[in-house]
Amino acid sequence: MTSPWNPAQYERFSNERTRPFLDLLAMVAPVPGGRVVDLGCGTGELTRMLHEHPGAAETVGVDSSETMLAKSTQFAGAGLRFEQGTLETYRAGAPFDVVFSNAAYQWVPGHVALIPGLTALVAPGGQFAFQVPANDDHASHVVAREVAAEEPYRSALGGYERTWPVMPPEWYAETLDALGFAAVNIRMQVYGHHLESTAAVVEWVKGTYLTDYARRMPAELYERYLVRYREALLSRLGERSPFFYTYKRILVHARRA
């Protein structure tokens, strides 16, 4: 099956998507000569920054999408490499000084089991840093689900409903504390993005949130879905130019004792 991830579509808002990455990266302390893993590395451009920022000797970027990884070769080298794999099953021969992930864990259900499993990759004294969207209650996401519940989309999706499995910020704090992590630093941050119009929100979610629908629907039906979604979203938000798009994200950083 062809991957629904389109690097060009995703990178259409690269500046806006880079902001939370940089905020999370700023939370990571240097690990000169250390080992780093980037889970859900995408095209690898930001992974190069992650590799250089803490002074790592070795960094591996992991992503499940072949189309995203196809662009990563230009950023590989000097201790940075990439490999295909899934977040929930990735394992390494030795733990890492930094286990990092930017906007990827929301694709994996069952955080109650996922997060403890991922912390096994963190070396003693190592850092666990990740960022996940928490914008399920915004009209951009609510309307996407409402339209998906209409026919013929509902039947095509088999009743599937796209929701993030993201937990409240305090849950991550309590879980990491119980797992023996110290200096747990977690914040909910609202990012504001000035888009050219309300319609640009459709292009934003096409690059991420709607990829599951694209994967599960025939191409022609998905195009019909996009037309209906755009109509419903503009009706809900109004046609404004420019449009101020608010997006909530949870940033997490903790160090294993």
Protein backbone atom coordinates (compact mmCIF):
# COMPACT_ATOMS: atom_id res chain seq x y z
CA MET A 1 0.00 0.00 0.00
CA THR A 2 1.24 3.45 -0.95
CA SER A 3 2.03 5.62 2.03
CA PRO A 4 -0.51 8.44 2.56
CA TRP A 5 2.30 10.69 3.81
CA ASN A 6 3.19 13.39 1.32
CA PRO A 7 6.41 15.22 2.27
CA ALA A 8 5.55 18.22 0.09
CA GLN A 9 2.12 18.58 1.70
CA TYR A 10 3.56 18.19 5.18
CA GLU A 11 6.33 20.72 4.56
CA ARG A 12 3.93 23.30 3.16
CA PHE A 13 3.77 24.64 6.73
CA SER A 14 7.31 23.72 7.69
CA ASN A 15 8.03 26.98 9.51
CA GLU A 16 4.96 26.59 11.70
CA ARG A 17 5.64 22.90 12.37
CA THR A 18 9.27 23.64 13.24
CA ARG A 19 8.41 25.96 16.13
CA PRO A 20 7.35 23.24 18.61
CA PHE A 21 10.34 21.13 17.55
CA LEU A 22 12.71 23.96 18.44
CA ASP A 23 10.95 24.52 21.76
CA LEU A 24 11.31 20.84 22.62
CA LEU A 25 14.93 20.76 21.43
CA ALA A 26 15.72 23.68 23.75
CA MET A 27 14.67 21.48 26.68
CA VAL A 28 17.32 18.84 25.82
CA ALA A 29 20.62 19.14 27.70
CA PRO A 30 23.96 18.46 25.90
CA VAL A 31 25.18 14.86 25.72
CA PRO A 32 28.68 15.18 24.18
CA GLY A 33 29.60 11.92 22.50
CA GLY A 34 26.23 10.41 23.43
CA ARG A 35 23.63 8.35 21.59
CA VAL A 36 20.31 9.81 20.44
CA VAL A 37 17.22 8.35 18.75
CA ASP A 38 14.53 10.36 16.96
CA LEU A 39 11.31 8.34 16.80
CA GLY A 40 9.10 9.53 13.95
CA CYS A 41 11.86 11.48 12.23
CA GLY A 42 9.97 12.22 8.99
CA THR A 43 12.25 13.54 6.25
CA GLY A 44 15.19 13.84 8.65
CA GLU A 45 15.88 17.55 8.21
CA LEU A 46 15.06 18.32 11.84
CA THR A 47 16.86 15.18 12.98
CA ARG A 48 20.09 16.72 11.70
CA MET A 49 19.48 19.62 14.09
CA LEU A 50 18.74 17.19 16.90
CA HIS A 51 21.99 15.36 16.20
CA GLU A 52 24.10 18.53 16.29
CA HIS A 53 22.42 20.38 19.18
CA PRO A 54 23.46 18.07 22.08
CA GLY A 55 26.80 17.10 20.50
CA ALA A 56 25.86 13.47 19.95
CA ALA A 57 28.31 11.01 18.43
CA GLU A 58 25.53 8.80 17.08
CA THR A 59 21.92 9.55 16.19
CA VAL A 60 19.42 7.26 14.50
CA GLY A 61 16.21 8.55 12.95
CA VAL A 62 13.34 6.08 12.78
CA ASP A 63 10.16 6.43 10.72
CA SER A 64 7.57 4.05 9.29
CA SER A 65 7.02 6.01 6.06
CA GLU A 66 9.13 5.11 3.03
CA THR A 67 8.14 8.33 1.28
CA MET A 68 9.36 10.44 4.19
CA LEU A 69 12.59 8.47 4.60
CA ALA A 70 13.31 8.78 0.88
CA LYS A 71 14.33 12.39 1.53
CA SER A 72 16.45 11.60 4.60
CA THR A 73 19.57 10.46 2.75
CA GLN A 74 20.63 14.05 2.11
CA PHE A 75 20.85 14.65 5.87
CA ALA A 76 22.63 11.40 6.81
CA GLY A 77 26.31 11.13 7.68
CA ALA A 78 28.76 12.23 10.38
CA GLY A 79 27.14 9.91 12.90
CA LEU A 80 23.55 10.37 11.74
CA ARG A 81 21.70 7.50 10.05
CA PHE A 82 18.10 6.56 9.31
CA GLU A 83 16.11 3.35 9.32
CA GLN A 84 12.54 2.27 8.77
CA GLY A 85 10.59 1.03 11.77
CA THR A 86 7.49 1.55 13.87
CA LEU A 87 7.49 3.45 17.15
CA GLU A 88 5.71 0.78 19.13
CA THR A 89 8.04 -2.04 18.08
CA TYR A 90 11.41 -0.25 17.78
CA ARG A 91 14.16 -1.78 19.87
CA ALA A 92 17.90 -1.11 20.07
CA GLY A 93 20.90 -3.07 21.25
CA ALA A 94 21.75 -0.44 23.87
CA PRO A 95 19.78 2.38 25.53
CA PHE A 96 20.08 5.99 24.41
CA ASP A 97 21.17 9.15 26.20
CA VAL A 98 18.25 10.98 24.56
CA VAL A 99 15.00 9.42 23.34
CA PHE A 100 13.29 12.17 21.33
CA SER A 101 10.06 12.39 19.36
CA ASN A 102 8.36 15.37 17.75
CA ALA A 103 4.66 14.98 16.87
CA ALA A 104 4.64 11.22 16.37
CA TYR A 105 3.33 9.39 19.44
CA GLN A 106 -0.22 10.60 18.73
CA TRP A 107 -0.36 8.06 15.90
CA VAL A 108 0.10 5.14 18.27
CA PRO A 109 -2.88 4.06 20.42
CA GLY A 110 -2.61 2.88 24.00
CA HIS A 111 -0.30 5.40 25.66
CA VAL A 112 -0.81 3.59 28.96
CA ALA A 113 1.38 0.81 27.54
CA LEU A 114 3.31 2.84 24.94
CA ILE A 115 5.01 5.37 27.22
CA PRO A 116 6.41 2.85 29.77
CA GLY A 117 7.63 0.73 26.86
CA LEU A 118 9.47 3.64 25.26
CA THR A 119 11.16 4.63 28.52
CA ALA A 120 12.99 1.29 28.39
CA LEU A 121 15.06 2.87 25.60
CA VAL A 122 16.35 5.59 27.97
CA ALA A 123 19.75 4.97 29.59
CA PRO A 124 20.32 5.70 33.31
CA GLY A 125 20.63 9.47 33.58
CA GLY A 126 19.25 9.78 30.05
CA GLN A 127 16.58 12.15 28.77
CA PHE A 128 13.10 11.42 27.45
CA ALA A 129 11.64 14.26 25.37
CA PHE A 130 8.55 14.29 23.20
CA GLN A 131 5.86 16.56 21.86
CA VAL A 132 2.30 15.58 20.91
CA PRO A 133 -0.63 17.58 19.53
CA ALA A 134 -3.59 18.12 21.84
CA ASN A 135 -5.93 19.84 19.41
CA ASP A 136 -8.70 17.26 19.07
CA ASP A 137 -11.29 19.76 20.30
CA HIS A 138 -10.55 22.36 17.60
CA ALA A 139 -13.10 22.68 14.79
CA SER A 140 -10.44 21.55 12.28
CA HIS A 141 -10.48 18.12 13.94
CA VAL A 142 -14.08 18.00 15.18
CA VAL A 143 -15.49 18.73 11.72
CA ALA A 144 -13.17 16.12 10.17
CA ARG A 145 -14.72 13.48 12.41
CA GLU A 146 -18.27 14.74 11.86
CA VAL A 147 -17.93 14.51 8.08
CA ALA A 148 -16.29 11.08 8.37
CA ALA A 149 -19.44 9.94 10.22
CA GLU A 150 -21.58 10.84 7.19
CA GLU A 151 -22.31 8.44 4.36
CA PRO A 152 -20.75 7.21 2.15
CA TYR A 153 -17.56 7.98 4.13
CA ARG A 154 -18.61 6.13 7.27
CA SER A 155 -19.19 2.88 5.38
CA ALA A 156 -15.93 3.24 3.49
CA LEU A 157 -14.10 3.77 6.78
CA GLY A 158 -15.87 0.86 8.42
CA GLY A 159 -16.98 3.09 11.27
CA TYR A 160 -13.39 4.14 11.96
CA GLU A 161 -13.04 7.45 13.83
CA ARG A 162 -9.74 9.35 13.88
CA THR A 163 -9.00 10.57 17.40
CA TRP A 164 -5.66 11.19 19.04
CA PRO A 165 -4.89 8.78 21.92
CA VAL A 166 -3.15 11.65 23.73
CA MET A 167 -3.54 11.73 27.51
CA PRO A 168 -3.83 14.85 29.74
CA PRO A 169 -0.49 16.52 30.63
CA GLU A 170 -0.77 15.52 34.29
CA TRP A 171 -1.04 11.85 33.29
CA TYR A 172 2.37 11.99 31.59
CA ALA A 173 3.82 13.72 34.67
CA GLU A 174 2.43 11.14 37.08
CA THR A 175 3.44 8.20 34.87
CA LEU A 176 7.03 9.36 34.38
CA ASP A 177 7.39 10.10 38.07
CA ALA A 178 6.16 6.59 38.91
CA LEU A 179 8.67 5.17 36.41
CA GLY A 180 11.55 6.79 38.29
CA PHE A 181 12.13 9.89 36.17
CA ALA A 182 13.32 13.06 37.88
CA ALA A 183 12.95 16.74 36.96
CA VAL A 184 9.80 16.06 34.96
CA ASN A 185 9.00 19.21 32.97
CA ILE A 186 5.69 19.23 31.13
CA ARG A 187 3.76 22.10 29.60
CA MET A 188 0.71 22.66 27.47
CA GLN A 189 1.44 25.33 24.89
CA VAL A 190 -0.88 27.09 22.48
CA TYR A 191 0.75 27.94 19.16
CA GLY A 192 -0.85 30.59 16.98
CA HIS A 193 -0.41 30.37 13.22
CA HIS A 194 -1.38 33.17 10.82
CA LEU A 195 -2.63 31.33 7.73
CA GLU A 196 -3.58 33.05 4.48
CA SER A 197 -7.24 32.07 4.89
CA THR A 198 -9.62 29.70 6.65
CA ALA A 199 -9.35 27.39 3.66
CA ALA A 200 -5.63 26.96 4.39
CA VAL A 201 -6.62 24.96 7.48
CA VAL A 202 -7.74 22.23 5.08
CA GLU A 203 -4.27 22.12 3.58
CA TRP A 204 -2.77 21.96 7.08
CA VAL A 205 -4.79 18.93 8.20
CA LYS A 206 -4.33 17.19 4.84
CA GLY A 207 -0.64 16.97 5.72
CA THR A 208 -1.22 15.19 9.04
CA TYR A 209 -4.61 14.50 10.65
CA LEU A 210 -6.40 13.40 7.48
CA THR A 211 -3.72 10.98 6.31
CA ASP A 212 -5.52 8.10 8.05
CA TYR A 213 -8.67 8.88 6.10
CA ALA A 214 -6.66 9.06 2.88
CA ARG A 215 -5.21 5.64 3.62
CA ARG A 216 -8.58 4.07 4.38
CA MET A 217 -10.67 5.52 1.52
CA PRO A 218 -10.46 4.99 -2.26
CA ALA A 219 -8.76 8.00 -3.82
CA GLU A 220 -11.89 9.27 -5.59
CA LEU A 221 -13.99 9.05 -2.44
CA TYR A 222 -11.31 10.80 -0.40
CA GLU A 223 -11.38 13.72 -2.85
CA ARG A 224 -15.15 13.93 -2.35
CA TYR A 225 -14.58 13.85 1.39
CA LEU A 226 -12.16 16.80 1.15
CA VAL A 227 -14.73 18.87 -0.76
CA ARG A 228 -17.38 18.14 1.87
CA TYR A 229 -14.94 18.76 4.73
CA ARG A 230 -13.89 22.11 3.30
CA GLU A 231 -17.52 23.16 2.91
CA ALA A 232 -18.40 22.13 6.47
CA LEU A 233 -15.27 23.69 8.00
CA LEU A 234 -15.75 27.06 6.29
CA SER A 235 -19.37 27.04 7.41
CA ARG A 236 -18.24 26.43 11.01
CA LEU A 237 -15.31 28.87 11.12
CA GLY A 238 -16.38 31.42 8.55
CA GLU A 239 -14.41 32.53 5.50
CA ARG A 240 -11.69 34.78 6.87
CA SER A 241 -8.45 36.05 5.34
CA PRO A 242 -6.07 35.87 7.06
CA PHE A 243 -7.06 33.22 9.61
CA PHE A 244 -5.49 32.79 13.05
CA TYR A 245 -5.21 29.03 13.63
CA THR A 246 -4.62 28.01 17.24
CA TYR A 247 -2.98 24.69 17.92
CA LYS A 248 -2.39 23.15 21.36
CA ARG A 249 0.57 20.88 22.01
CA ILE A 250 2.01 19.03 25.03
CA LEU A 251 5.80 19.24 25.48
CA VAL A 252 7.44 16.71 27.79
CA HIS A 253 11.01 16.47 29.08
CA ALA A 254 12.25 14.21 31.89
CA ARG A 255 15.51 12.67 33.00
CA ARG A 256 15.90 9.10 34.27
CA ALA A 257 17.35 9.06 37.77
